[in-house]
Amino acid sequence: RTLSIIKPDATNRNLTGAINAMFEAGGLRIVGQKRIKMTLGQAQKFY
C-alpha cells in the first residue's frame, strides 16, 4: 500500500477521475480515499 495525493493544481482542474483512471489502468486499486483541505500546519507537518 502507498499514499497518493492528487494536488491542488489537479483538483482545481477537475482531474481527479482522469488521474485515478490512470492508477487503476496501471494495476493499482484505490482502497482508501478522501477529499480534504489541509491546513498550513498539516502541510508543514506532513512535509
PDB file of all heavy atoms in Angstrom:
ATOM      1  N   ARG A   1       0.856  -1.180   0.000  1.00  0.00           N
ATOM      2  CA  ARG A   1       0.000   0.000   0.000  1.00  0.00           C
ATOM      3  C   ARG A   1       0.894   1.232   0.000  1.00  0.00           C
ATOM      4  O   ARG A   1       1.957   1.237   0.624  1.00  0.00           O
ATOM      5  CB  ARG A   1      -0.915   0.013   1.224  1.00  0.00           C
ATOM      6  CG  ARG A   1      -2.003  -1.026   1.124  1.00  0.00           C
ATOM      7  CD  ARG A   1      -2.925  -0.974   2.304  1.00  0.00           C
ATOM      8  NE  ARG A   1      -4.053  -1.890   2.079  1.00  0.00           N
ATOM      9  CZ  ARG A   1      -4.876  -2.276   3.018  1.00  0.00           C
ATOM     10  NH1 ARG A   1      -4.727  -1.846   4.265  1.00  0.00           N
ATOM     11  NH2 ARG A   1      -5.868  -3.094   2.735  1.00  0.00           N
ATOM     12  N   THR A   2       0.443   2.266  -0.679  1.00  0.00           N
ATOM     13  CA  THR A   2       1.198   3.508  -0.745  1.00  0.00           C
ATOM     14  C   THR A   2       0.234   4.681  -0.701  1.00  0.00           C
ATOM     15  O   THR A   2      -0.957   4.531  -0.984  1.00  0.00           O
ATOM     16  CB  THR A   2       2.072   3.550  -2.022  1.00  0.00           C
ATOM     17  OG1 THR A   2       2.967   4.670  -1.944  1.00  0.00           O
ATOM     18  CG2 THR A   2       1.242   3.634  -3.292  1.00  0.00           C
ATOM     19  N   LEU A   3       0.749   5.839  -0.329  1.00  0.00           N
ATOM     20  CA  LEU A   3      -0.073   7.033  -0.301  1.00  0.00           C
ATOM     21  C   LEU A   3       0.047   7.775  -1.616  1.00  0.00           C
ATOM     22  O   LEU A   3       1.127   7.890  -2.187  1.00  0.00           O
ATOM     23  CB  LEU A   3       0.351   7.977   0.833  1.00  0.00           C
ATOM     24  CG  LEU A   3      -0.573   9.199   0.938  1.00  0.00           C
ATOM     25  CD1 LEU A   3      -1.834   8.853   1.708  1.00  0.00           C
ATOM     26  CD2 LEU A   3       0.133  10.380   1.563  1.00  0.00           C
ATOM     27  N   SER A   4      -1.066   8.285  -2.064  1.00  0.00           N
ATOM     28  CA  SER A   4      -1.123   9.147  -3.231  1.00  0.00           C
ATOM     29  C   SER A   4      -1.888  10.403  -2.836  1.00  0.00           C
ATOM     30  O   SER A   4      -2.867  10.327  -2.101  1.00  0.00           O
ATOM     31  CB  SER A   4      -1.860   8.442  -4.376  1.00  0.00           C
ATOM     32  OG  SER A   4      -2.173   9.348  -5.411  1.00  0.00           O
ATOM     33  N   ILE A   5      -1.410  11.542  -3.298  1.00  0.00           N
ATOM     34  CA  ILE A   5      -2.146  12.787  -3.119  1.00  0.00           C
ATOM     35  C   ILE A   5      -2.337  13.415  -4.491  1.00  0.00           C
ATOM     36  O   ILE A   5      -1.371  13.603  -5.229  1.00  0.00           O
ATOM     37  CB  ILE A   5      -1.417  13.790  -2.199  1.00  0.00           C
ATOM     38  CG1 ILE A   5      -1.146  13.199  -0.820  1.00  0.00           C
ATOM     39  CG2 ILE A   5      -2.237  15.086  -2.083  1.00  0.00           C
ATOM     40  CD1 ILE A   5      -0.332  14.109   0.105  1.00  0.00           C
ATOM     41  N   ILE A   6      -3.580  13.705  -4.813  1.00  0.00           N
ATOM     42  CA  ILE A   6      -3.863  14.499  -6.013  1.00  0.00           C
ATOM     43  C   ILE A   6      -3.863  15.943  -5.541  1.00  0.00           C
ATOM     44  O   ILE A   6      -4.668  16.339  -4.698  1.00  0.00           O
ATOM     45  CB  ILE A   6      -5.188  14.075  -6.667  1.00  0.00           C
ATOM     46  CG1 ILE A   6      -5.112  12.593  -7.057  1.00  0.00           C
ATOM     47  CG2 ILE A   6      -5.479  14.962  -7.879  1.00  0.00           C
ATOM     48  CD1 ILE A   6      -6.381  12.032  -7.653  1.00  0.00           C
ATOM     49  N   LYS A   7      -2.920  16.712  -6.054  1.00  0.00           N
ATOM     50  CA  LYS A   7      -2.605  18.043  -5.554  1.00  0.00           C
ATOM     51  C   LYS A   7      -3.593  19.117  -6.030  1.00  0.00           C
ATOM     52  O   LYS A   7      -4.370  18.893  -6.964  1.00  0.00           O
ATOM     53  CB  LYS A   7      -1.182  18.414  -5.977  1.00  0.00           C
ATOM     54  CG  LYS A   7      -0.109  17.540  -5.344  1.00  0.00           C
ATOM     55  CD  LYS A   7       1.272  17.996  -5.794  1.00  0.00           C
ATOM     56  CE  LYS A   7       2.378  17.209  -5.127  1.00  0.00           C
ATOM     57  NZ  LYS A   7       3.712  17.720  -5.536  1.00  0.00           N
ATOM     58  N   PRO A   8      -3.513  20.316  -5.394  1.00  0.00           N
ATOM     59  CA  PRO A   8      -4.449  21.389  -5.730  1.00  0.00           C
ATOM     60  C   PRO A   8      -4.514  21.768  -7.211  1.00  0.00           C
ATOM     61  O   PRO A   8      -5.596  22.066  -7.718  1.00  0.00           O
ATOM     62  CB  PRO A   8      -3.955  22.571  -4.891  1.00  0.00           C
ATOM     63  CG  PRO A   8      -3.349  21.924  -3.685  1.00  0.00           C
ATOM     64  CD  PRO A   8      -2.686  20.683  -4.239  1.00  0.00           C
ATOM     65  N   ASP A   9      -3.382  21.749  -7.908  1.00  0.00           N
ATOM     66  CA  ASP A   9      -3.432  22.132  -9.320  1.00  0.00           C
ATOM     67  C   ASP A   9      -4.305  21.169 -10.121  1.00  0.00           C
ATOM     68  O   ASP A   9      -4.974  21.574 -11.074  1.00  0.00           O
ATOM     69  CB  ASP A   9      -2.031  22.229  -9.937  1.00  0.00           C
ATOM     70  CG  ASP A   9      -1.281  20.904  -9.945  1.00  0.00           C
ATOM     71  OD1 ASP A   9      -0.912  20.431  -8.855  1.00  0.00           O
ATOM     72  OD2 ASP A   9      -1.068  20.348 -11.037  1.00  0.00           O
ATOM     73  N   ALA A  10      -4.344  19.908  -9.715  1.00  0.00           N
ATOM     74  CA  ALA A  10      -5.151  18.906 -10.417  1.00  0.00           C
ATOM     75  C   ALA A  10      -6.608  18.936  -9.954  1.00  0.00           C
ATOM     76  O   ALA A  10      -7.525  18.828 -10.771  1.00  0.00           O
ATOM     77  CB  ALA A  10      -4.555  17.519 -10.228  1.00  0.00           C
ATOM     78  N   THR A  11      -6.840  19.084  -8.640  1.00  0.00           N
ATOM     79  CA  THR A  11      -8.233  19.128  -8.173  1.00  0.00           C
ATOM     80  C   THR A  11      -8.929  20.381  -8.695  1.00  0.00           C
ATOM     81  O   THR A  11     -10.110  20.336  -9.022  1.00  0.00           O
ATOM     82  CB  THR A  11      -8.347  19.053  -6.630  1.00  0.00           C
ATOM     83  OG1 THR A  11      -7.693  20.161  -6.039  1.00  0.00           O
ATOM     84  CG2 THR A  11      -7.790  17.740  -6.108  1.00  0.00           C
ATOM     85  N   ASN A  12      -8.200  21.482  -8.785  1.00  0.00           N
ATOM     86  CA  ASN A  12      -8.779  22.718  -9.320  1.00  0.00           C
ATOM     87  C   ASN A  12      -9.200  22.580 -10.781  1.00  0.00           C
ATOM     88  O   ASN A  12     -10.077  23.307 -11.253  1.00  0.00           O
ATOM     89  CB  ASN A  12      -7.799  23.889  -9.190  1.00  0.00           C
ATOM     90  CG  ASN A  12      -7.710  24.418  -7.782  1.00  0.00           C
ATOM     91  OD1 ASN A  12      -8.618  24.235  -6.970  1.00  0.00           O
ATOM     92  ND2 ASN A  12      -6.605  25.089  -7.472  1.00  0.00           N
ATOM     93  N   ARG A  13      -8.563  21.643 -11.493  1.00  0.00           N
ATOM     94  CA  ARG A  13      -8.894  21.429 -12.911  1.00  0.00           C
ATOM     95  C   ARG A  13      -9.775  20.194 -13.114  1.00  0.00           C
ATOM     96  O   ARG A  13      -9.934  19.725 -14.238  1.00  0.00           O
ATOM     97  CB  ARG A  13      -7.599  21.310 -13.729  1.00  0.00           C
ATOM     98  CG  ARG A  13      -6.831  22.633 -13.782  1.00  0.00           C
ATOM     99  CD  ARG A  13      -5.547  22.534 -14.585  1.00  0.00           C
ATOM    100  NE  ARG A  13      -4.565  21.730 -13.844  1.00  0.00           N
ATOM    101  CZ  ARG A  13      -3.659  20.931 -14.416  1.00  0.00           C
ATOM    102  NH1 ARG A  13      -3.589  20.814 -15.723  1.00  0.00           N
ATOM    103  NH2 ARG A  13      -2.807  20.256 -13.666  1.00  0.00           N
ATOM    104  N   ASN A  14     -10.351  19.677 -12.015  1.00  0.00           N
ATOM    105  CA  ASN A  14     -11.260  18.527 -12.076  1.00  0.00           C
ATOM    106  C   ASN A  14     -10.629  17.304 -12.741  1.00  0.00           C
ATOM    107  O   ASN A  14     -11.267  16.630 -13.556  1.00  0.00           O
ATOM    108  CB  ASN A  14     -12.570  18.901 -12.784  1.00  0.00           C
ATOM    109  CG  ASN A  14     -13.352  19.928 -12.012  1.00  0.00           C
ATOM    110  OD1 ASN A  14     -13.457  19.852 -10.795  1.00  0.00           O
ATOM    111  ND2 ASN A  14     -13.894  20.901 -12.709  1.00  0.00           N
ATOM    112  N   LEU A  15      -9.389  16.994 -12.355  1.00  0.00           N
ATOM    113  CA  LEU A  15      -8.664  15.876 -12.961  1.00  0.00           C
ATOM    114  C   LEU A  15      -8.637  14.624 -12.087  1.00  0.00           C
ATOM    115  O   LEU A  15      -8.001  13.634 -12.443  1.00  0.00           O
ATOM    116  CB  LEU A  15      -7.219  16.300 -13.276  1.00  0.00           C
ATOM    117  CG  LEU A  15      -7.081  17.411 -14.318  1.00  0.00           C
ATOM    118  CD1 LEU A  15      -5.627  17.860 -14.428  1.00  0.00           C
ATOM    119  CD2 LEU A  15      -7.613  16.940 -15.661  1.00  0.00           C
ATOM    120  N   THR A  16      -9.335  14.651 -10.963  1.00  0.00           N
ATOM    121  CA  THR A  16      -9.292  13.513 -10.040  1.00  0.00           C
ATOM    122  C   THR A  16      -9.664  12.208 -10.729  1.00  0.00           C
ATOM    123  O   THR A  16      -8.951  11.214 -10.621  1.00  0.00           O
ATOM    124  CB  THR A  16     -10.214  13.768  -8.823  1.00  0.00           C
ATOM    125  OG1 THR A  16      -9.776  14.964  -8.176  1.00  0.00           O
ATOM    126  CG2 THR A  16     -10.166  12.613  -7.846  1.00  0.00           C
ATOM    127  N   GLY A  17     -10.771  12.182 -11.428  1.00  0.00           N
ATOM    128  CA  GLY A  17     -11.218  10.960 -12.095  1.00  0.00           C
ATOM    129  C   GLY A  17     -10.244  10.483 -13.155  1.00  0.00           C
ATOM    130  O   GLY A  17      -9.952   9.286 -13.255  1.00  0.00           O
ATOM    131  N   ALA A  18      -9.726  11.415 -13.944  1.00  0.00           N
ATOM    132  CA  ALA A  18      -8.781  11.049 -15.007  1.00  0.00           C
ATOM    133  C   ALA A  18      -7.494  10.467 -14.419  1.00  0.00           C
ATOM    134  O   ALA A  18      -6.958   9.477 -14.926  1.00  0.00           O
ATOM    135  CB  ALA A  18      -8.471  12.270 -15.872  1.00  0.00           C
ATOM    136  N   ILE A  19      -7.010  11.068 -13.341  1.00  0.00           N
ATOM    137  CA  ILE A  19      -5.782  10.577 -12.706  1.00  0.00           C
ATOM    138  C   ILE A  19      -6.041   9.222 -12.058  1.00  0.00           C
ATOM    139  O   ILE A  19      -5.236   8.289 -12.197  1.00  0.00           O
ATOM    140  CB  ILE A  19      -5.232  11.611 -11.707  1.00  0.00           C
ATOM    141  CG1 ILE A  19      -4.723  12.833 -12.479  1.00  0.00           C
ATOM    142  CG2 ILE A  19      -4.136  11.006 -10.830  1.00  0.00           C
ATOM    143  CD1 ILE A  19      -4.356  14.030 -11.617  1.00  0.00           C
ATOM    144  N   ASN A  20      -7.165   9.082 -11.370  1.00  0.00           N
ATOM    145  CA  ASN A  20      -7.485   7.787 -10.771  1.00  0.00           C
ATOM    146  C   ASN A  20      -7.616   6.700 -11.823  1.00  0.00           C
ATOM    147  O   ASN A  20      -7.213   5.555 -11.588  1.00  0.00           O
ATOM    148  CB  ASN A  20      -8.757   7.882  -9.922  1.00  0.00           C
ATOM    149  CG  ASN A  20      -8.496   8.528  -8.581  1.00  0.00           C
ATOM    150  OD1 ASN A  20      -7.361   8.589  -8.122  1.00  0.00           O
ATOM    151  ND2 ASN A  20      -9.543   9.017  -7.951  1.00  0.00           N
ATOM    152  N   ALA A  21      -8.153   7.028 -12.974  1.00  0.00           N
ATOM    153  CA  ALA A  21      -8.262   6.047 -14.061  1.00  0.00           C
ATOM    154  C   ALA A  21      -6.867   5.568 -14.488  1.00  0.00           C
ATOM    155  O   ALA A  21      -6.686   4.388 -14.805  1.00  0.00           O
ATOM    156  CB  ALA A  21      -9.017   6.638 -15.240  1.00  0.00           C
ATOM    157  N   MET A  22      -5.882   6.466 -14.464  1.00  0.00           N
ATOM    158  CA  MET A  22      -4.515   6.077 -14.824  1.00  0.00           C
ATOM    159  C   MET A  22      -3.925   5.124 -13.778  1.00  0.00           C
ATOM    160  O   MET A  22      -3.254   4.160 -14.134  1.00  0.00           O
ATOM    161  CB  MET A  22      -3.639   7.321 -14.999  1.00  0.00           C
ATOM    162  CG  MET A  22      -4.046   8.171 -16.206  1.00  0.00           C
ATOM    163  SD  MET A  22      -3.086   9.693 -16.367  1.00  0.00           S
ATOM    164  CE  MET A  22      -1.531   9.013 -16.987  1.00  0.00           C
ATOM    165  N   PHE A  23      -4.196   5.402 -12.492  1.00  0.00           N
ATOM    166  CA  PHE A  23      -3.718   4.497 -11.439  1.00  0.00           C
ATOM    167  C   PHE A  23      -4.357   3.122 -11.599  1.00  0.00           C
ATOM    168  O   PHE A  23      -3.685   2.095 -11.529  1.00  0.00           O
ATOM    169  CB  PHE A  23      -4.038   5.040 -10.043  1.00  0.00           C
ATOM    170  CG  PHE A  23      -3.269   6.284  -9.664  1.00  0.00           C
ATOM    171  CD1 PHE A  23      -3.895   7.299  -8.959  1.00  0.00           C
ATOM    172  CD2 PHE A  23      -1.937   6.436  -9.984  1.00  0.00           C
ATOM    173  CE1 PHE A  23      -3.204   8.439  -8.581  1.00  0.00           C
ATOM    174  CE2 PHE A  23      -1.234   7.575  -9.622  1.00  0.00           C
ATOM    175  CZ  PHE A  23      -1.877   8.580  -8.912  1.00  0.00           C
ATOM    176  N   GLU A  24      -5.660   3.107 -11.816  1.00  0.00           N
ATOM    177  CA  GLU A  24      -6.372   1.833 -11.928  1.00  0.00           C
ATOM    178  C   GLU A  24      -5.950   1.069 -13.181  1.00  0.00           C
ATOM    179  O   GLU A  24      -5.752  -0.143 -13.135  1.00  0.00           O
ATOM    180  CB  GLU A  24      -7.879   2.076 -11.890  1.00  0.00           C
ATOM    181  CG  GLU A  24      -8.339   2.515 -10.498  1.00  0.00           C
ATOM    182  CD  GLU A  24      -9.816   2.857 -10.420  1.00  0.00           C
ATOM    183  OE1 GLU A  24     -10.415   3.281 -11.437  1.00  0.00           O
ATOM    184  OE2 GLU A  24     -10.389   2.692  -9.318  1.00  0.00           O
ATOM    185  N   ALA A  25      -5.779   1.771 -14.282  1.00  0.00           N
ATOM    186  CA  ALA A  25      -5.324   1.115 -15.517  1.00  0.00           C
ATOM    187  C   ALA A  25      -3.909   0.559 -15.348  1.00  0.00           C
ATOM    188  O   ALA A  25      -3.539  -0.420 -15.998  1.00  0.00           O
ATOM    189  CB  ALA A  25      -5.374   2.096 -16.688  1.00  0.00           C
ATOM    190  N   GLY A  26      -3.141   1.170 -14.442  1.00  0.00           N
ATOM    191  CA  GLY A  26      -1.778   0.720 -14.172  1.00  0.00           C
ATOM    192  C   GLY A  26      -1.698  -0.406 -13.163  1.00  0.00           C
ATOM    193  O   GLY A  26      -0.608  -0.793 -12.751  1.00  0.00           O
ATOM    194  N   GLY A  27      -2.851  -0.923 -12.739  1.00  0.00           N
ATOM    195  CA  GLY A  27      -2.859  -2.088 -11.861  1.00  0.00           C
ATOM    196  C   GLY A  27      -2.989  -1.798 -10.378  1.00  0.00           C
ATOM    197  O   GLY A  27      -2.848  -2.701  -9.553  1.00  0.00           O
ATOM    198  N   LEU A  28      -3.268  -0.551 -10.002  1.00  0.00           N
ATOM    199  CA  LEU A  28      -3.429  -0.203  -8.594  1.00  0.00           C
ATOM    200  C   LEU A  28      -4.904  -0.051  -8.250  1.00  0.00           C
ATOM    201  O   LEU A  28      -5.701   0.410  -9.080  1.00  0.00           O
ATOM    202  CB  LEU A  28      -2.675   1.095  -8.277  1.00  0.00           C
ATOM    203  CG  LEU A  28      -1.162   1.024  -8.501  1.00  0.00           C
ATOM    204  CD1 LEU A  28      -0.532   2.391  -8.335  1.00  0.00           C
ATOM    205  CD2 LEU A  28      -0.527   0.021  -7.556  1.00  0.00           C
ATOM    206  N   ARG A  29      -5.262  -0.448  -7.038  1.00  0.00           N
ATOM    207  CA  ARG A  29      -6.635  -0.307  -6.540  1.00  0.00           C
ATOM    208  C   ARG A  29      -6.669   0.812  -5.520  1.00  0.00           C
ATOM    209  O   ARG A  29      -5.752   0.935  -4.702  1.00  0.00           O
ATOM    210  CB  ARG A  29      -7.088  -1.597  -5.848  1.00  0.00           C
ATOM    211  CG  ARG A  29      -7.254  -2.765  -6.783  1.00  0.00           C
ATOM    212  CD  ARG A  29      -7.707  -4.024  -6.053  1.00  0.00           C
ATOM    213  NE  ARG A  29      -8.913  -3.764  -5.277  1.00  0.00           N
ATOM    214  CZ  ARG A  29      -9.112  -4.217  -4.035  1.00  0.00           C
ATOM    215  NH1 ARG A  29      -8.211  -4.955  -3.441  1.00  0.00           N
ATOM    216  NH2 ARG A  29     -10.228  -3.953  -3.404  1.00  0.00           N
ATOM    217  N   ILE A  30      -7.737   1.594  -5.538  1.00  0.00           N
ATOM    218  CA  ILE A  30      -7.924   2.638  -4.543  1.00  0.00           C
ATOM    219  C   ILE A  30      -8.687   2.007  -3.385  1.00  0.00           C
ATOM    220  O   ILE A  30      -9.844   1.626  -3.535  1.00  0.00           O
ATOM    221  CB  ILE A  30      -8.696   3.833  -5.133  1.00  0.00           C
ATOM    222  CG1 ILE A  30      -7.920   4.420  -6.315  1.00  0.00           C
ATOM    223  CG2 ILE A  30      -8.949   4.890  -4.049  1.00  0.00           C
ATOM    224  CD1 ILE A  30      -8.722   5.357  -7.186  1.00  0.00           C
ATOM    225  N   VAL A  31      -8.028   1.872  -2.228  1.00  0.00           N
ATOM    226  CA  VAL A  31      -8.644   1.204  -1.075  1.00  0.00           C
ATOM    227  C   VAL A  31      -8.961   2.182   0.058  1.00  0.00           C
ATOM    228  O   VAL A  31      -9.512   1.789   1.083  1.00  0.00           O
ATOM    229  CB  VAL A  31      -7.789   0.023  -0.573  1.00  0.00           C
ATOM    230  CG1 VAL A  31      -7.718  -1.076  -1.634  1.00  0.00           C
ATOM    231  CG2 VAL A  31      -6.394   0.473  -0.158  1.00  0.00           C
ATOM    232  N   GLY A  32      -8.623   3.432  -0.126  1.00  0.00           N
ATOM    233  CA  GLY A  32      -8.958   4.494   0.815  1.00  0.00           C
ATOM    234  C   GLY A  32      -8.879   5.803   0.072  1.00  0.00           C
ATOM    235  O   GLY A  32      -7.968   5.994  -0.735  1.00  0.00           O
ATOM    236  N   GLN A  33      -9.846   6.695   0.333  1.00  0.00           N
ATOM    237  CA  GLN A  33      -9.838   7.952  -0.415  1.00  0.00           C
ATOM    238  C   GLN A  33     -10.688   8.988   0.313  1.00  0.00           C
ATOM    239  O   GLN A  33     -11.769   8.673   0.801  1.00  0.00           O
ATOM    240  CB  GLN A  33     -10.393   7.735  -1.820  1.00  0.00           C
ATOM    241  CG  GLN A  33     -10.402   8.974  -2.685  1.00  0.00           C
ATOM    242  CD  GLN A  33     -11.006   8.681  -4.046  1.00  0.00           C
ATOM    243  OE1 GLN A  33     -12.194   8.453  -4.161  1.00  0.00           O
ATOM    244  NE2 GLN A  33     -10.164   8.661  -5.070  1.00  0.00           N
ATOM    245  N   LYS A  34     -10.181  10.224   0.366  1.00  0.00           N
ATOM    246  CA  LYS A  34     -10.983  11.331   0.863  1.00  0.00           C
ATOM    247  C   LYS A  34     -10.455  12.653   0.323  1.00  0.00           C
ATOM    248  O   LYS A  34      -9.258  12.809   0.083  1.00  0.00           O
ATOM    249  CB  LYS A  34     -11.066  11.352   2.385  1.00  0.00           C
ATOM    250  CG  LYS A  34      -9.782  11.267   3.143  1.00  0.00           C
ATOM    251  CD  LYS A  34     -10.064  11.089   4.640  1.00  0.00           C
ATOM    252  CE  LYS A  34      -8.829  10.641   5.383  1.00  0.00           C
ATOM    253  NZ  LYS A  34      -9.085  10.441   6.799  1.00  0.00           N
ATOM    254  N   ARG A  35     -11.387  13.556   0.135  1.00  0.00           N
ATOM    255  CA  ARG A  35     -11.056  14.912  -0.321  1.00  0.00           C
ATOM    256  C   ARG A  35     -10.994  15.772   0.931  1.00  0.00           C
ATOM    257  O   ARG A  35     -11.941  15.798   1.722  1.00  0.00           O
ATOM    258  CB  ARG A  35     -12.135  15.404  -1.278  1.00  0.00           C
ATOM    259  CG  ARG A  35     -11.880  16.751  -1.877  1.00  0.00           C
ATOM    260  CD  ARG A  35     -13.039  17.069  -2.837  1.00  0.00           C
ATOM    261  NE  ARG A  35     -12.909  18.372  -3.413  1.00  0.00           N
ATOM    262  CZ  ARG A  35     -12.348  18.630  -4.592  1.00  0.00           C
ATOM    263  NH1 ARG A  35     -11.869  17.633  -5.317  1.00  0.00           N
ATOM    264  NH2 ARG A  35     -12.269  19.858  -5.054  1.00  0.00           N
ATOM    265  N   ILE A  36      -9.874  16.451   1.118  1.00  0.00           N
ATOM    266  CA  ILE A  36      -9.675  17.278   2.302  1.00  0.00           C
ATOM    267  C   ILE A  36      -9.069  18.619   1.901  1.00  0.00           C
ATOM    268  O   ILE A  36      -8.544  18.772   0.799  1.00  0.00           O
ATOM    269  CB  ILE A  36      -8.759  16.589   3.335  1.00  0.00           C
ATOM    270  CG1 ILE A  36      -7.344  16.385   2.775  1.00  0.00           C
ATOM    271  CG2 ILE A  36      -9.361  15.270   3.807  1.00  0.00           C
ATOM    272  CD1 ILE A  36      -6.312  15.977   3.807  1.00  0.00           C
ATOM    273  N   LYS A  37      -9.123  19.553   2.812  1.00  0.00           N
ATOM    274  CA  LYS A  37      -8.404  20.826   2.664  1.00  0.00           C
ATOM    275  C   LYS A  37      -7.406  20.864   3.808  1.00  0.00           C
ATOM    276  O   LYS A  37      -7.776  21.013   4.963  1.00  0.00           O
ATOM    277  CB  LYS A  37      -9.376  22.003   2.737  1.00  0.00           C
ATOM    278  CG  LYS A  37      -8.691  23.360   2.792  1.00  0.00           C
ATOM    279  CD  LYS A  37      -8.656  24.011   1.460  1.00  0.00           C
ATOM    280  CE  LYS A  37      -8.200  25.462   1.455  1.00  0.00           C
ATOM    281  NZ  LYS A  37      -7.128  25.852   2.310  1.00  0.00           N
ATOM    282  N   MET A  38      -6.141  20.638   3.487  1.00  0.00           N
ATOM    283  CA  MET A  38      -5.099  20.652   4.510  1.00  0.00           C
ATOM    284  C   MET A  38      -4.914  22.063   5.046  1.00  0.00           C
ATOM    285  O   MET A  38      -4.962  23.033   4.281  1.00  0.00           O
ATOM    286  CB  MET A  38      -3.754  20.203   3.926  1.00  0.00           C
ATOM    287  CG  MET A  38      -3.512  18.733   4.007  1.00  0.00           C
ATOM    288  SD  MET A  38      -1.757  18.323   3.730  1.00  0.00           S
ATOM    289  CE  MET A  38      -1.766  18.039   1.977  1.00  0.00           C
ATOM    290  N   THR A  39      -4.698  22.163   6.336  1.00  0.00           N
ATOM    291  CA  THR A  39      -4.298  23.443   6.909  1.00  0.00           C
ATOM    292  C   THR A  39      -2.810  23.626   6.608  1.00  0.00           C
ATOM    293  O   THR A  39      -2.104  22.652   6.282  1.00  0.00           O
ATOM    294  CB  THR A  39      -4.513  23.478   8.426  1.00  0.00           C
ATOM    295  OG1 THR A  39      -3.626  22.523   9.036  1.00  0.00           O
ATOM    296  CG2 THR A  39      -5.969  23.187   8.793  1.00  0.00           C
ATOM    297  N   LEU A  40      -2.338  24.842   6.771  1.00  0.00           N
ATOM    298  CA  LEU A  40      -0.908  25.084   6.592  1.00  0.00           C
ATOM    299  C   LEU A  40      -0.113  24.249   7.597  1.00  0.00           C
ATOM    300  O   LEU A  40       0.909  23.660   7.249  1.00  0.00           O
ATOM    301  CB  LEU A  40      -0.589  26.573   6.740  1.00  0.00           C
ATOM    302  CG  LEU A  40       0.886  26.954   6.576  1.00  0.00           C
ATOM    303  CD1 LEU A  40       1.420  26.542   5.203  1.00  0.00           C
ATOM    304  CD2 LEU A  40       1.060  28.459   6.797  1.00  0.00           C
ATOM    305  N   GLY A  41      -0.598  24.157   8.825  1.00  0.00           N
ATOM    306  CA  GLY A  41       0.076  23.357   9.845  1.00  0.00           C
ATOM    307  C   GLY A  41       0.161  21.884   9.470  1.00  0.00           C
ATOM    308  O   GLY A  41       1.198  21.244   9.683  1.00  0.00           O
ATOM    309  N   GLN A  42      -0.926  21.331   8.929  1.00  0.00           N
ATOM    310  CA  GLN A  42      -0.900  19.928   8.487  1.00  0.00           C
ATOM    311  C   GLN A  42       0.112  19.733   7.365  1.00  0.00           C
ATOM    312  O   GLN A  42       0.861  18.755   7.356  1.00  0.00           O
ATOM    313  CB  GLN A  42      -2.282  19.497   8.003  1.00  0.00           C
ATOM    314  CG  GLN A  42      -3.282  19.257   9.091  1.00  0.00           C
ATOM    315  CD  GLN A  42      -4.660  19.002   8.504  1.00  0.00           C
ATOM    316  OE1 GLN A  42      -5.144  19.741   7.642  1.00  0.00           O
ATOM    317  NE2 GLN A  42      -5.302  17.940   8.979  1.00  0.00           N
ATOM    318  N   ALA A  43       0.120  20.649   6.404  1.00  0.00           N
ATOM    319  CA  ALA A  43       1.061  20.548   5.286  1.00  0.00           C
ATOM    320  C   ALA A  43       2.500  20.640   5.787  1.00  0.00           C
ATOM    321  O   ALA A  43       3.372  19.892   5.344  1.00  0.00           O
ATOM    322  CB  ALA A  43       0.774  21.629   4.255  1.00  0.00           C
ATOM    323  N   GLN A  44       2.750  21.541   6.731  1.00  0.00           N
ATOM    324  CA  GLN A  44       4.095  21.674   7.279  1.00  0.00           C
ATOM    325  C   GLN A  44       4.526  20.407   8.017  1.00  0.00           C
ATOM    326  O   GLN A  44       5.666  19.974   7.911  1.00  0.00           O
ATOM    327  CB  GLN A  44       4.171  22.888   8.210  1.00  0.00           C
ATOM    328  CG  GLN A  44       4.087  24.193   7.452  1.00  0.00           C
ATOM    329  CD  GLN A  44       3.904  25.399   8.356  1.00  0.00           C
ATOM    330  OE1 GLN A  44       3.387  25.297   9.477  1.00  0.00           O
ATOM    331  NE2 GLN A  44       4.314  26.554   7.864  1.00  0.00           N
ATOM    332  N   LYS A  45       3.606  19.812   8.757  1.00  0.00           N
ATOM    333  CA  LYS A  45       3.924  18.573   9.479  1.00  0.00           C
ATOM    334  C   LYS A  45       4.156  17.419   8.498  1.00  0.00           C
ATOM    335  O   LYS A  45       5.102  16.648   8.643  1.00  0.00           O
ATOM    336  CB  LYS A  45       2.809  18.231  10.457  1.00  0.00           C
ATOM    337  CG  LYS A  45       3.118  17.047  11.343  1.00  0.00           C
ATOM    338  CD  LYS A  45       2.096  16.926  12.461  1.00  0.00           C
ATOM    339  CE  LYS A  45       2.258  15.678  13.281  1.00  0.00           C
ATOM    340  NZ  LYS A  45       3.459  15.578  14.049  1.00  0.00           N
ATOM    341  N   PHE A  46       3.301  17.316   7.484  1.00  0.00           N
ATOM    342  CA  PHE A  46       3.438  16.236   6.515  1.00  0.00           C
ATOM    343  C   PHE A  46       4.768  16.331   5.758  1.00  0.00           C
ATOM    344  O   PHE A  46       5.441  15.325   5.529  1.00  0.00           O
ATOM    345  CB  PHE A  46       2.263  16.250   5.525  1.00  0.00           C
ATOM    346  CG  PHE A  46       2.331  15.135   4.531  1.00  0.00           C
ATOM    347  CD1 PHE A  46       2.005  13.837   4.907  1.00  0.00           C
ATOM    348  CD2 PHE A  46       2.730  15.365   3.231  1.00  0.00           C
ATOM    349  CE1 PHE A  46       2.089  12.787   3.996  1.00  0.00           C
ATOM    350  CE2 PHE A  46       2.815  14.323   2.314  1.00  0.00           C
ATOM    351  CZ  PHE A  46       2.488  13.035   2.705  1.00  0.00           C
ATOM    352  N   TYR A  47       5.144  17.534   5.345  1.00  0.00           N
ATOM    353  CA  TYR A  47       6.364  17.731   4.558  1.00  0.00           C
ATOM    354  C   TYR A  47       7.560  18.139   5.420  1.00  0.00           C
ATOM    355  O   TYR A  47       8.541  18.686   4.911  1.00  0.00           O
ATOM    356  CB  TYR A  47       6.123  18.772   3.461  1.00  0.00           C
ATOM    357  CG  TYR A  47       5.293  18.241   2.323  1.00  0.00           C
ATOM    358  CD1 TYR A  47       3.963  18.620   2.168  1.00  0.00           C
ATOM    359  CD2 TYR A  47       5.824  17.347   1.395  1.00  0.00           C
ATOM    360  CE1 TYR A  47       3.190  18.125   1.123  1.00  0.00           C
ATOM    361  CE2 TYR A  47       5.069  16.852   0.351  1.00  0.00           C
ATOM    362  CZ  TYR A  47       3.755  17.250   0.217  1.00  0.00           C
ATOM    363  OH  TYR A  47       2.997  16.761  -0.819  1.00  0.00           O
TER     364      TYR A  47
END
